[in-house]
Amino acid sequence: MLKRHFWIQAYLLGLIISCAVPALGQSYPAKPVRLIVPWPPVGSNDIAARILAPRMTKILGQTIVVDNRAGANGIIGSEIVAKATPDGYTIMLNSSTHVANASIFRELPYDTLKDFLSIAPVASVPTIVTIYPSLPVRTLQDLVAYARARPGRLYYSSGGRGGQTHLPTALFAKMAGIDIVHVAYKGGGPAIVAVLGGEVQLMIATMPSVIGHIKAGKLRALAVTSSQRSLLLPDLPTVAESGVAGYEMSAWLGVFAPAGLPGNLVGRLHDEIQRTLKLPDVAMSFSLQGMEPAFGTQPQFAAFVQAELKKYATMIKEFGAATE
């Protein structure tokens, strides 16, 4: 009798658990979701996160809290996500630097592919060649000529070695045949401040992070790095149009989660992020910052991230951007 009673209890417990699992997915999120941005405020990652967060809060019915965890070229914030419980309450908005770090550093406290799930693309982000306004050049051709006459005497800033503001400049310098010196800062925000203050002469920065300074006359824009001109600055030529034939490079943003996140939550997060990006006010906000919302399935984004990891590995090896 006792044995029969035990099996009845076990059956009922199993039935409760089996019913609770789908219910848990259906009730997600039941508390605030932390969206980690592994960079300081002001950069494109932070700007995009703060556009998305309030809209996703309305859609999901729970607060999306933007949490800036900057440092170590994005590694500090990324490690937090990699080691977080895969329950959907800790996710990350990061850029192409996330995959570049796998080749920049010999050792990381996580595996870029195995410890993360690529959830959804967020945006394509043009970068733009900007200079300190007192520099006596007006066009990209002027800058190239000025730099060639002063090898090793012009400095450019970036938000970190191998990132979305470093490699585009390294590629530009190589293709233009100029010798300029790299100065790495702890994020895009501090790197922009360095140009604004005249500590360095130039920077290829993401458009969202510098468009306001350009319009205010605090920075001078020379060219965009994308293959097409920006709708936000239609009179500004591309780098290729300005004499560096074949040059093209843009940054991207996407959302990641810890590996092991259940499939139903992966699908829910992907769908709600993409749904948010289609909202007219979000599309407008992105456009005003020079960003273009990115769309695609979760498998497509995962494949894209793997391809980008290989692309950046090749570039970093070529430019010697890896650490010793």
C-alpha atoms as a PDB file:
ATOM      1  CA  MET A   1       0.000   0.000   0.000  1.00  0.00           C
ATOM      2  CA  LEU A   2       2.810   2.352   0.920  1.00  0.00           C
ATOM      3  CA  LYS A   3       4.628   1.440  -2.310  1.00  0.00           C
ATOM      4  CA  ARG A   4       1.511   2.199  -4.352  1.00  0.00           C
ATOM      5  CA  HIS A   5       1.104   5.526  -2.527  1.00  0.00           C
ATOM      6  CA  PHE A   6       4.748   6.426  -3.326  1.00  0.00           C
ATOM      7  CA  TRP A   7       4.266   5.811  -7.053  1.00  0.00           C
ATOM      8  CA  ILE A   8       1.090   7.852  -7.105  1.00  0.00           C
ATOM      9  CA  GLN A   9       2.939  10.772  -5.498  1.00  0.00           C
ATOM     10  CA  ALA A  10       5.819  10.438  -7.940  1.00  0.00           C
ATOM     11  CA  TYR A  11       3.406  10.398 -10.886  1.00  0.00           C
ATOM     12  CA  LEU A  12       1.604  13.496  -9.639  1.00  0.00           C
ATOM     13  CA  LEU A  13       4.898  15.322  -9.039  1.00  0.00           C
ATOM     14  CA  GLY A  14       6.054  14.518 -12.553  1.00  0.00           C
ATOM     15  CA  LEU A  15       2.753  15.709 -13.953  1.00  0.00           C
ATOM     16  CA  ILE A  16       3.076  19.014 -12.070  1.00  0.00           C
ATOM     17  CA  ILE A  17       6.627  19.551 -13.321  1.00  0.00           C
ATOM     18  CA  SER A  18       5.728  18.735 -16.932  1.00  0.00           C
ATOM     19  CA  CYS A  19       2.886  21.234 -16.798  1.00  0.00           C
ATOM     20  CA  ALA A  20       5.016  23.879 -15.105  1.00  0.00           C
ATOM     21  CA  VAL A  21       7.772  23.922 -17.755  1.00  0.00           C
ATOM     22  CA  PRO A  22       5.643  25.285 -20.626  1.00  0.00           C
ATOM     23  CA  ALA A  23       3.853  27.552 -18.177  1.00  0.00           C
ATOM     24  CA  LEU A  24       7.214  29.018 -17.170  1.00  0.00           C
ATOM     25  CA  GLY A  25       7.975  29.828 -20.790  1.00  0.00           C
ATOM     26  CA  GLN A  26       4.549  31.344 -21.282  1.00  0.00           C
ATOM     27  CA  SER A  27       4.897  33.584 -18.220  1.00  0.00           C
ATOM     28  CA  TYR A  28       8.331  34.910 -19.224  1.00  0.00           C
ATOM     29  CA  PRO A  29       9.354  37.487 -18.222  1.00  0.00           C
ATOM     30  CA  ALA A  30       8.114  37.445 -14.646  1.00  0.00           C
ATOM     31  CA  LYS A  31      10.664  40.021 -13.459  1.00  0.00           C
ATOM     32  CA  PRO A  32      12.927  42.745 -14.950  1.00  0.00           C
ATOM     33  CA  VAL A  33      15.400  41.698 -17.644  1.00  0.00           C
ATOM     34  CA  ARG A  34      18.973  42.989 -17.473  1.00  0.00           C
ATOM     35  CA  LEU A  35      20.372  44.099 -20.838  1.00  0.00           C
ATOM     36  CA  ILE A  36      24.117  44.329 -20.387  1.00  0.00           C
ATOM     37  CA  VAL A  37      26.051  46.753 -22.586  1.00  0.00           C
ATOM     38  CA  PRO A  38      29.761  45.933 -22.147  1.00  0.00           C
ATOM     39  CA  TRP A  39      30.783  49.484 -23.071  1.00  0.00           C
ATOM     40  CA  PRO A  40      30.562  52.958 -21.510  1.00  0.00           C
ATOM     41  CA  PRO A  41      27.620  55.292 -22.208  1.00  0.00           C
ATOM     42  CA  VAL A  42      27.490  57.427 -25.394  1.00  0.00           C
ATOM     43  CA  GLY A  43      28.760  54.760 -27.835  1.00  0.00           C
ATOM     44  CA  SER A  44      26.555  53.126 -30.465  1.00  0.00           C
ATOM     45  CA  ASN A  45      25.936  50.022 -28.317  1.00  0.00           C
ATOM     46  CA  ASP A  46      24.576  52.138 -25.491  1.00  0.00           C
ATOM     47  CA  ILE A  47      22.522  54.387 -27.789  1.00  0.00           C
ATOM     48  CA  ALA A  48      20.852  51.409 -29.477  1.00  0.00           C
ATOM     49  CA  ALA A  49      20.149  49.732 -26.126  1.00  0.00           C
ATOM     50  CA  ARG A  50      18.485  52.849 -24.739  1.00  0.00           C
ATOM     51  CA  ILE A  51      16.281  53.158 -27.820  1.00  0.00           C
ATOM     52  CA  LEU A  52      15.202  49.514 -27.589  1.00  0.00           C
ATOM     53  CA  ALA A  53      14.788  49.150 -23.826  1.00  0.00           C
ATOM     54  CA  PRO A  54      11.683  51.305 -23.221  1.00  0.00           C
ATOM     55  CA  ARG A  55       9.892  49.896 -26.274  1.00  0.00           C
ATOM     56  CA  MET A  56      10.675  46.298 -25.324  1.00  0.00           C
ATOM     57  CA  THR A  57       9.533  47.063 -21.790  1.00  0.00           C
ATOM     58  CA  LYS A  58       6.066  47.845 -23.147  1.00  0.00           C
ATOM     59  CA  ILE A  59       5.989  44.776 -25.380  1.00  0.00           C
ATOM     60  CA  LEU A  60       7.226  42.296 -22.757  1.00  0.00           C
ATOM     61  CA  GLY A  61       5.404  43.844 -19.820  1.00  0.00           C
ATOM     62  CA  GLN A  62       8.547  43.903 -17.678  1.00  0.00           C
ATOM     63  CA  THR A  63      11.297  46.502 -17.327  1.00  0.00           C
ATOM     64  CA  ILE A  64      14.358  46.077 -19.526  1.00  0.00           C
ATOM     65  CA  VAL A  65      17.214  47.513 -17.473  1.00  0.00           C
ATOM     66  CA  VAL A  66      20.250  48.759 -19.427  1.00  0.00           C
ATOM     67  CA  ASP A  67      23.365  47.891 -17.419  1.00  0.00           C
ATOM     68  CA  ASN A  68      26.678  49.346 -18.648  1.00  0.00           C
ATOM     69  CA  ARG A  69      29.525  47.022 -17.629  1.00  0.00           C
ATOM     70  CA  ALA A  70      32.476  48.519 -19.467  1.00  0.00           C
ATOM     71  CA  GLY A  71      36.105  47.483 -19.433  1.00  0.00           C
ATOM     72  CA  ALA A  72      38.748  45.302 -21.081  1.00  0.00           C
ATOM     73  CA  ASN A  73      37.508  45.854 -24.633  1.00  0.00           C
ATOM     74  CA  GLY A  74      34.029  44.580 -23.756  1.00  0.00           C
ATOM     75  CA  ILE A  75      35.283  41.451 -22.002  1.00  0.00           C
ATOM     76  CA  ILE A  76      34.118  42.347 -18.483  1.00  0.00           C
ATOM     77  CA  GLY A  77      30.468  42.686 -19.453  1.00  0.00           C
ATOM     78  CA  SER A  78      30.633  39.713 -21.792  1.00  0.00           C
ATOM     79  CA  GLU A  79      31.990  37.482 -19.035  1.00  0.00           C
ATOM     80  CA  ILE A  80      29.072  38.421 -16.789  1.00  0.00           C
ATOM     81  CA  VAL A  81      26.665  37.254 -19.489  1.00  0.00           C
ATOM     82  CA  ALA A  82      28.614  34.083 -20.292  1.00  0.00           C
ATOM     83  CA  LYS A  83      28.467  33.021 -16.644  1.00  0.00           C
ATOM     84  CA  ALA A  84      24.889  34.123 -15.981  1.00  0.00           C
ATOM     85  CA  THR A  85      22.048  31.667 -15.437  1.00  0.00           C
ATOM     86  CA  PRO A  86      20.532  30.924 -18.872  1.00  0.00           C
ATOM     87  CA  ASP A  87      16.994  31.903 -17.887  1.00  0.00           C
ATOM     88  CA  GLY A  88      16.432  34.910 -20.154  1.00  0.00           C
ATOM     89  CA  TYR A  89      16.930  37.506 -17.425  1.00  0.00           C
ATOM     90  CA  THR A  90      20.487  38.436 -18.424  1.00  0.00           C
ATOM     91  CA  ILE A  91      21.150  39.255 -22.083  1.00  0.00           C
ATOM     92  CA  MET A  92      23.698  41.410 -23.887  1.00  0.00           C
ATOM     93  CA  LEU A  93      23.766  43.950 -26.696  1.00  0.00           C
ATOM     94  CA  ASN A  94      27.225  43.901 -28.244  1.00  0.00           C
ATOM     95  CA  SER A  95      28.994  44.756 -31.463  1.00  0.00           C
ATOM     96  CA  SER A  96      31.411  43.193 -33.917  1.00  0.00           C
ATOM     97  CA  THR A  97      34.116  43.673 -31.282  1.00  0.00           C
ATOM     98  CA  HIS A  98      32.597  40.667 -29.510  1.00  0.00           C
ATOM     99  CA  VAL A  99      33.814  38.319 -32.241  1.00  0.00           C
ATOM    100  CA  ALA A 100      37.028  40.263 -32.819  1.00  0.00           C
ATOM    101  CA  ASN A 101      38.094  39.701 -29.209  1.00  0.00           C
ATOM    102  CA  ALA A 102      38.373  35.978 -29.887  1.00  0.00           C
ATOM    103  CA  SER A 103      41.388  36.714 -32.093  1.00  0.00           C
ATOM    104  CA  ILE A 104      42.751  39.774 -30.287  1.00  0.00           C
ATOM    105  CA  PHE A 105      43.344  38.056 -26.957  1.00  0.00           C
ATOM    106  CA  ARG A 106      45.172  34.782 -26.445  1.00  0.00           C
ATOM    107  CA  GLU A 107      42.972  33.932 -23.481  1.00  0.00           C
ATOM    108  CA  LEU A 108      39.391  34.914 -22.703  1.00  0.00           C
ATOM    109  CA  PRO A 109      37.350  33.955 -19.618  1.00  0.00           C
ATOM    110  CA  TYR A 110      34.778  32.413 -21.980  1.00  0.00           C
ATOM    111  CA  ASP A 111      34.436  30.792 -25.393  1.00  0.00           C
ATOM    112  CA  THR A 112      32.951  33.264 -27.882  1.00  0.00           C
ATOM    113  CA  LEU A 113      30.913  30.603 -29.698  1.00  0.00           C
ATOM    114  CA  LYS A 114      30.285  27.915 -27.082  1.00  0.00           C
ATOM    115  CA  ASP A 115      29.330  30.167 -24.147  1.00  0.00           C
ATOM    116  CA  PHE A 116      26.884  32.434 -25.992  1.00  0.00           C
ATOM    117  CA  LEU A 117      23.759  32.112 -28.083  1.00  0.00           C
ATOM    118  CA  SER A 118      23.361  34.595 -30.929  1.00  0.00           C
ATOM    119  CA  ILE A 119      19.770  35.742 -30.462  1.00  0.00           C
ATOM    120  CA  ALA A 120      18.997  38.491 -32.981  1.00  0.00           C
ATOM    121  CA  PRO A 121      20.618  41.116 -35.186  1.00  0.00           C
ATOM    122  CA  VAL A 122      19.870  44.690 -34.153  1.00  0.00           C
ATOM    123  CA  ALA A 123      21.517  47.169 -36.500  1.00  0.00           C
ATOM    124  CA  SER A 124      24.009  47.920 -39.211  1.00  0.00           C
ATOM    125  CA  VAL A 125      26.080  50.910 -38.125  1.00  0.00           C
ATOM    126  CA  PRO A 126      28.060  53.026 -40.600  1.00  0.00           C
ATOM    127  CA  THR A 127      31.318  54.452 -39.338  1.00  0.00           C
ATOM    128  CA  ILE A 128      32.588  57.843 -40.314  1.00  0.00           C
ATOM    129  CA  VAL A 129      36.014  59.452 -40.681  1.00  0.00           C
ATOM    130  CA  THR A 130      36.101  62.411 -38.292  1.00  0.00           C
ATOM    131  CA  ILE A 131      38.865  64.855 -37.449  1.00  0.00           C
ATOM    132  CA  TYR A 132      39.655  67.553 -34.920  1.00  0.00           C
ATOM    133  CA  PRO A 133      38.330  70.741 -36.596  1.00  0.00           C
ATOM    134  CA  SER A 134      41.599  72.691 -36.383  1.00  0.00           C
ATOM    135  CA  LEU A 135      43.399  70.116 -38.535  1.00  0.00           C
ATOM    136  CA  PRO A 136      44.041  71.963 -41.835  1.00  0.00           C
ATOM    137  CA  VAL A 137      42.242  69.499 -44.115  1.00  0.00           C
ATOM    138  CA  ARG A 138      38.792  69.628 -45.686  1.00  0.00           C
ATOM    139  CA  THR A 139      38.519  66.364 -47.583  1.00  0.00           C
ATOM    140  CA  LEU A 140      39.722  62.800 -47.212  1.00  0.00           C
ATOM    141  CA  GLN A 141      42.153  63.392 -50.060  1.00  0.00           C
ATOM    142  CA  ASP A 142      43.578  66.310 -48.061  1.00  0.00           C
ATOM    143  CA  LEU A 143      43.936  64.084 -45.002  1.00  0.00           C
ATOM    144  CA  VAL A 144      45.786  61.405 -46.952  1.00  0.00           C
ATOM    145  CA  ALA A 145      48.188  63.979 -48.423  1.00  0.00           C
ATOM    146  CA  TYR A 146      48.691  65.615 -45.007  1.00  0.00           C
ATOM    147  CA  ALA A 147      49.429  62.260 -43.358  1.00  0.00           C
ATOM    148  CA  ARG A 148      51.824  61.155 -46.095  1.00  0.00           C
ATOM    149  CA  ALA A 149      53.849  64.325 -45.539  1.00  0.00           C
ATOM    150  CA  ARG A 150      54.000  63.576 -41.778  1.00  0.00           C
ATOM    151  CA  PRO A 151      54.532  59.814 -41.321  1.00  0.00           C
ATOM    152  CA  GLY A 152      54.043  58.686 -37.724  1.00  0.00           C
ATOM    153  CA  ARG A 153      53.004  62.151 -36.540  1.00  0.00           C
ATOM    154  CA  LEU A 154      49.201  61.863 -36.698  1.00  0.00           C
ATOM    155  CA  TYR A 155      47.323  59.965 -33.999  1.00  0.00           C
ATOM    156  CA  TYR A 156      43.946  58.262 -34.146  1.00  0.00           C
ATOM    157  CA  SER A 157      41.809  56.998 -31.284  1.00  0.00           C
ATOM    158  CA  SER A 158      39.662  53.908 -30.964  1.00  0.00           C
ATOM    159  CA  GLY A 159      37.422  52.301 -28.375  1.00  0.00           C
ATOM    160  CA  GLY A 160      39.798  49.339 -28.091  1.00  0.00           C
ATOM    161  CA  ARG A 161      42.245  47.221 -30.038  1.00  0.00           C
ATOM    162  CA  GLY A 162      40.652  45.190 -32.820  1.00  0.00           C
ATOM    163  CA  GLY A 163      37.219  46.771 -32.367  1.00  0.00           C
ATOM    164  CA  GLN A 164      34.749  48.483 -34.650  1.00  0.00           C
ATOM    165  CA  THR A 165      36.639  51.797 -34.421  1.00  0.00           C
ATOM    166  CA  HIS A 166      40.159  50.362 -34.714  1.00  0.00           C
ATOM    167  CA  LEU A 167      40.134  47.905 -37.609  1.00  0.00           C
ATOM    168  CA  PRO A 168      38.336  50.262 -40.033  1.00  0.00           C
ATOM    169  CA  THR A 169      41.104  52.829 -39.455  1.00  0.00           C
ATOM    170  CA  ALA A 170      43.878  50.255 -39.743  1.00  0.00           C
ATOM    171  CA  LEU A 171      42.381  49.078 -43.035  1.00  0.00           C
ATOM    172  CA  PHE A 172      42.011  52.676 -44.261  1.00  0.00           C
ATOM    173  CA  ALA A 173      45.631  53.493 -43.379  1.00  0.00           C
ATOM    174  CA  LYS A 174      46.934  50.425 -45.192  1.00  0.00           C
ATOM    175  CA  MET A 175      44.851  50.974 -48.325  1.00  0.00           C
ATOM    176  CA  ALA A 176      45.650  54.714 -48.396  1.00  0.00           C
ATOM    177  CA  GLY A 177      49.359  54.114 -47.820  1.00  0.00           C
ATOM    178  CA  ILE A 178      49.703  56.323 -44.735  1.00  0.00           C
ATOM    179  CA  ASP A 179      51.466  55.861 -41.394  1.00  0.00           C
ATOM    180  CA  ILE A 180      49.263  56.971 -38.470  1.00  0.00           C
ATOM    181  CA  VAL A 181      49.578  55.974 -34.810  1.00  0.00           C
ATOM    182  CA  HIS A 182      46.861  54.092 -32.911  1.00  0.00           C
ATOM    183  CA  VAL A 183      45.833  55.157 -29.384  1.00  0.00           C
ATOM    184  CA  ALA A 184      43.344  52.792 -27.728  1.00  0.00           C
ATOM    185  CA  TYR A 185      40.859  54.041 -25.108  1.00  0.00           C
ATOM    186  CA  LYS A 186      38.425  52.194 -22.831  1.00  0.00           C
ATOM    187  CA  GLY A 187      35.406  52.482 -25.105  1.00  0.00           C
ATOM    188  CA  GLY A 188      34.060  54.628 -27.904  1.00  0.00           C
ATOM    189  CA  GLY A 189      32.937  57.451 -25.592  1.00  0.00           C
ATOM    190  CA  PRO A 190      36.410  58.208 -24.172  1.00  0.00           C
ATOM    191  CA  ALA A 191      37.922  57.822 -27.655  1.00  0.00           C
ATOM    192  CA  ILE A 192      35.561  60.492 -29.004  1.00  0.00           C
ATOM    193  CA  VAL A 193      36.380  62.797 -26.090  1.00  0.00           C
ATOM    194  CA  ALA A 194      40.047  62.453 -27.076  1.00  0.00           C
ATOM    195  CA  VAL A 195      39.300  63.806 -30.561  1.00  0.00           C
ATOM    196  CA  LEU A 196      37.050  66.548 -29.213  1.00  0.00           C
ATOM    197  CA  GLY A 197      39.842  67.663 -26.895  1.00  0.00           C
ATOM    198  CA  GLY A 198      42.562  67.512 -29.536  1.00  0.00           C
ATOM    199  CA  GLU A 199      44.503  64.706 -27.807  1.00  0.00           C
ATOM    200  CA  VAL A 200      44.396  62.879 -31.145  1.00  0.00           C
ATOM    201  CA  GLN A 201      43.728  64.218 -34.614  1.00  0.00           C
ATOM    202  CA  LEU A 202      41.252  61.728 -36.040  1.00  0.00           C
ATOM    203  CA  MET A 203      38.953  58.787 -35.427  1.00  0.00           C
ATOM    204  CA  ILE A 204      36.757  56.514 -37.485  1.00  0.00           C
ATOM    205  CA  ALA A 205      33.743  56.467 -35.171  1.00  0.00           C
ATOM    206  CA  THR A 206      30.277  54.970 -35.340  1.00  0.00           C
ATOM    207  CA  MET A 207      27.829  57.490 -36.725  1.00  0.00           C
ATOM    208  CA  PRO A 208      25.409  57.466 -33.744  1.00  0.00           C
ATOM    209  CA  SER A 209      28.207  58.451 -31.385  1.00  0.00           C
ATOM    210  CA  VAL A 210      29.448  61.471 -33.366  1.00  0.00           C
ATOM    211  CA  ILE A 211      26.565  62.777 -35.467  1.00  0.00           C
ATOM    212  CA  GLY A 212      25.629  65.354 -32.817  1.00  0.00           C
ATOM    213  CA  HIS A 213      29.210  66.641 -32.567  1.00  0.00           C
ATOM    214  CA  ILE A 214      29.432  66.876 -36.360  1.00  0.00           C
ATOM    215  CA  LYS A 215      26.246  68.904 -36.593  1.00  0.00           C
ATOM    216  CA  ALA A 216      27.455  71.154 -33.775  1.00  0.00           C
ATOM    217  CA  GLY A 217      30.736  71.789 -35.590  1.00  0.00           C
ATOM    218  CA  LYS A 218      32.825  70.162 -32.863  1.00  0.00           C
ATOM    219  CA  LEU A 219      34.085  67.496 -35.253  1.00  0.00           C
ATOM    220  CA  ARG A 220      34.590  67.596 -39.006  1.00  0.00           C
ATOM    221  CA  ALA A 221      33.328  64.670 -41.074  1.00  0.00           C
ATOM    222  CA  LEU A 222      35.311  63.650 -44.147  1.00  0.00           C
ATOM    223  CA  ALA A 223      33.763  60.386 -45.401  1.00  0.00           C
ATOM    224  CA  VAL A 224      31.621  57.384 -44.505  1.00  0.00           C
ATOM    225  CA  THR A 225      33.138  53.908 -44.550  1.00  0.00           C
ATOM    226  CA  SER A 226      30.096  52.093 -45.958  1.00  0.00           C
ATOM    227  CA  SER A 227      29.703  51.190 -49.616  1.00  0.00           C
ATOM    228  CA  GLN A 228      26.842  53.674 -50.011  1.00  0.00           C
ATOM    229  CA  ARG A 229      26.385  57.242 -48.812  1.00  0.00           C
ATOM    230  CA  SER A 230      24.394  57.804 -45.650  1.00  0.00           C
ATOM    231  CA  LEU A 231      20.833  59.098 -45.934  1.00  0.00           C
ATOM    232  CA  LEU A 232      21.579  61.166 -42.838  1.00  0.00           C
ATOM    233  CA  LEU A 233      24.576  62.895 -44.463  1.00  0.00           C
ATOM    234  CA  PRO A 234      23.921  62.538 -48.207  1.00  0.00           C
ATOM    235  CA  ASP A 235      26.551  65.098 -49.238  1.00  0.00           C
ATOM    236  CA  LEU A 236      29.317  63.214 -47.480  1.00  0.00           C
ATOM    237  CA  PRO A 237      31.233  60.914 -49.868  1.00  0.00           C
ATOM    238  CA  THR A 238      32.280  57.368 -49.128  1.00  0.00           C
ATOM    239  CA  VAL A 239      35.928  56.515 -48.505  1.00  0.00           C
ATOM    240  CA  ALA A 240      35.973  54.681 -51.842  1.00  0.00           C
ATOM    241  CA  GLU A 241      34.581  57.736 -53.651  1.00  0.00           C
ATOM    242  CA  SER A 242      37.287  59.820 -52.004  1.00  0.00           C
ATOM    243  CA  GLY A 243      40.123  57.964 -53.681  1.00  0.00           C
ATOM    244  CA  VAL A 244      40.622  54.781 -51.638  1.00  0.00           C
ATOM    245  CA  ALA A 245      39.165  52.405 -54.209  1.00  0.00           C
ATOM    246  CA  GLY A 246      37.564  49.218 -52.909  1.00  0.00           C
ATOM    247  CA  TYR A 247      37.362  50.337 -49.290  1.00  0.00           C
ATOM    248  CA  GLU A 248      34.207  49.344 -47.377  1.00  0.00           C
ATOM    249  CA  MET A 249      33.557  48.493 -43.747  1.00  0.00           C
ATOM    250  CA  SER A 250      30.596  48.872 -41.400  1.00  0.00           C
ATOM    251  CA  ALA A 251      29.920  47.857 -37.828  1.00  0.00           C
ATOM    252  CA  TRP A 252      26.995  45.787 -36.548  1.00  0.00           C
ATOM    253  CA  LEU A 253      25.088  45.270 -33.321  1.00  0.00           C
ATOM    254  CA  GLY A 254      23.284  42.192 -32.024  1.00  0.00           C
ATOM    255  CA  VAL A 255      21.796  40.605 -28.927  1.00  0.00           C
ATOM    256  CA  PHE A 256      23.372  37.589 -27.236  1.00  0.00           C
ATOM    257  CA  ALA A 257      22.428  35.355 -24.298  1.00  0.00           C
ATOM    258  CA  PRO A 258      24.202  32.721 -22.195  1.00  0.00           C
ATOM    259  CA  ALA A 259      24.478  29.286 -23.794  1.00  0.00           C
ATOM    260  CA  GLY A 260      21.864  26.866 -22.555  1.00  0.00           C
ATOM    261  CA  LEU A 261      18.942  29.262 -22.858  1.00  0.00           C
ATOM    262  CA  PRO A 262      15.838  27.122 -23.561  1.00  0.00           C
ATOM    263  CA  GLY A 263      14.650  27.142 -27.157  1.00  0.00           C
ATOM    264  CA  ASN A 264      11.270  28.675 -26.331  1.00  0.00           C
ATOM    265  CA  LEU A 265      12.984  31.686 -24.702  1.00  0.00           C
ATOM    266  CA  VAL A 266      15.429  32.026 -27.604  1.00  0.00           C
ATOM    267  CA  GLY A 267      12.472  32.218 -29.972  1.00  0.00           C
ATOM    268  CA  ARG A 268      10.556  34.626 -27.738  1.00  0.00           C
ATOM    269  CA  LEU A 269      13.476  37.027 -27.354  1.00  0.00           C
ATOM    270  CA  HIS A 270      14.326  36.905 -31.060  1.00  0.00           C
ATOM    271  CA  ASP A 271      10.746  37.574 -32.120  1.00  0.00           C
ATOM    272  CA  GLU A 272      10.192  40.421 -29.662  1.00  0.00           C
ATOM    273  CA  ILE A 273      13.488  42.126 -30.551  1.00  0.00           C
ATOM    274  CA  GLN A 274      12.667  41.962 -34.243  1.00  0.00           C
ATOM    275  CA  ARG A 275       9.122  43.131 -33.551  1.00  0.00           C
ATOM    276  CA  THR A 276      10.492  46.103 -31.611  1.00  0.00           C
ATOM    277  CA  LEU A 277      12.829  47.033 -34.465  1.00  0.00           C
ATOM    278  CA  LYS A 278       9.827  47.240 -36.813  1.00  0.00           C
ATOM    279  CA  LEU A 279       8.049  49.859 -34.701  1.00  0.00           C
ATOM    280  CA  PRO A 280       7.927  53.149 -36.653  1.00  0.00           C
ATOM    281  CA  ASP A 281       9.311  55.224 -33.775  1.00  0.00           C
ATOM    282  CA  VAL A 282      12.221  52.806 -33.284  1.00  0.00           C
ATOM    283  CA  ALA A 283      13.023  52.832 -36.998  1.00  0.00           C
ATOM    284  CA  MET A 284      12.905  56.638 -36.943  1.00  0.00           C
ATOM    285  CA  SER A 285      15.109  56.863 -33.841  1.00  0.00           C
ATOM    286  CA  PHE A 286      17.649  54.540 -35.424  1.00  0.00           C
ATOM    287  CA  SER A 287      17.570  56.506 -38.667  1.00  0.00           C
ATOM    288  CA  LEU A 288      18.198  59.792 -36.870  1.00  0.00           C
ATOM    289  CA  GLN A 289      21.302  58.206 -35.376  1.00  0.00           C
ATOM    290  CA  GLY A 290      22.498  56.895 -38.730  1.00  0.00           C
ATOM    291  CA  MET A 291      21.746  53.258 -37.881  1.00  0.00           C
ATOM    292  CA  GLU A 292      19.743  50.814 -39.974  1.00  0.00           C
ATOM    293  CA  PRO A 293      17.637  48.142 -38.202  1.00  0.00           C
ATOM    294  CA  ALA A 294      18.786  44.626 -39.060  1.00  0.00           C
ATOM    295  CA  PHE A 295      16.459  41.683 -39.603  1.00  0.00           C
ATOM    296  CA  GLY A 296      16.870  37.946 -39.963  1.00  0.00           C
ATOM    297  CA  THR A 297      16.096  34.630 -38.329  1.00  0.00           C
ATOM    298  CA  GLN A 298      17.982  33.414 -35.280  1.00  0.00           C
ATOM    299  CA  PRO A 299      19.856  30.714 -37.275  1.00  0.00           C
ATOM    300  CA  GLN A 300      20.791  33.315 -39.897  1.00  0.00           C
ATOM    301  CA  PHE A 301      22.231  35.594 -37.231  1.00  0.00           C
ATOM    302  CA  ALA A 302      24.139  32.715 -35.637  1.00  0.00           C
ATOM    303  CA  ALA A 303      25.668  31.837 -39.022  1.00  0.00           C
ATOM    304  CA  PHE A 304      26.518  35.493 -39.625  1.00  0.00           C
ATOM    305  CA  VAL A 305      28.334  35.719 -36.269  1.00  0.00           C
ATOM    306  CA  GLN A 306      30.410  32.623 -37.096  1.00  0.00           C
ATOM    307  CA  ALA A 307      31.338  34.095 -40.486  1.00  0.00           C
ATOM    308  CA  GLU A 308      32.273  37.417 -38.884  1.00  0.00           C
ATOM    309  CA  LEU A 309      34.494  35.639 -36.364  1.00  0.00           C
ATOM    310  CA  LYS A 310      36.493  34.152 -39.231  1.00  0.00           C
ATOM    311  CA  LYS A 311      36.627  37.471 -41.106  1.00  0.00           C
ATOM    312  CA  TYR A 312      37.931  39.376 -38.110  1.00  0.00           C
ATOM    313  CA  ALA A 313      40.474  36.662 -37.337  1.00  0.00           C
ATOM    314  CA  THR A 314      41.963  37.183 -40.801  1.00  0.00           C
ATOM    315  CA  MET A 315      42.025  40.982 -40.453  1.00  0.00           C
ATOM    316  CA  ILE A 316      43.514  40.942 -36.968  1.00  0.00           C
ATOM    317  CA  LYS A 317      46.283  38.611 -38.074  1.00  0.00           C
ATOM    318  CA  GLU A 318      46.998  40.874 -41.044  1.00  0.00           C
ATOM    319  CA  PHE A 319      47.126  44.074 -38.984  1.00  0.00           C
ATOM    320  CA  GLY A 320      48.934  42.606 -35.997  1.00  0.00           C
ATOM    321  CA  ALA A 321      46.146  43.592 -33.620  1.00  0.00           C
ATOM    322  CA  ALA A 322      46.410  40.507 -31.408  1.00  0.00           C
ATOM    323  CA  THR A 323      47.947  40.695 -27.940  1.00  0.00           C
ATOM    324  CA  GLU A 324      51.198  38.937 -27.116  1.00  0.00           C
END
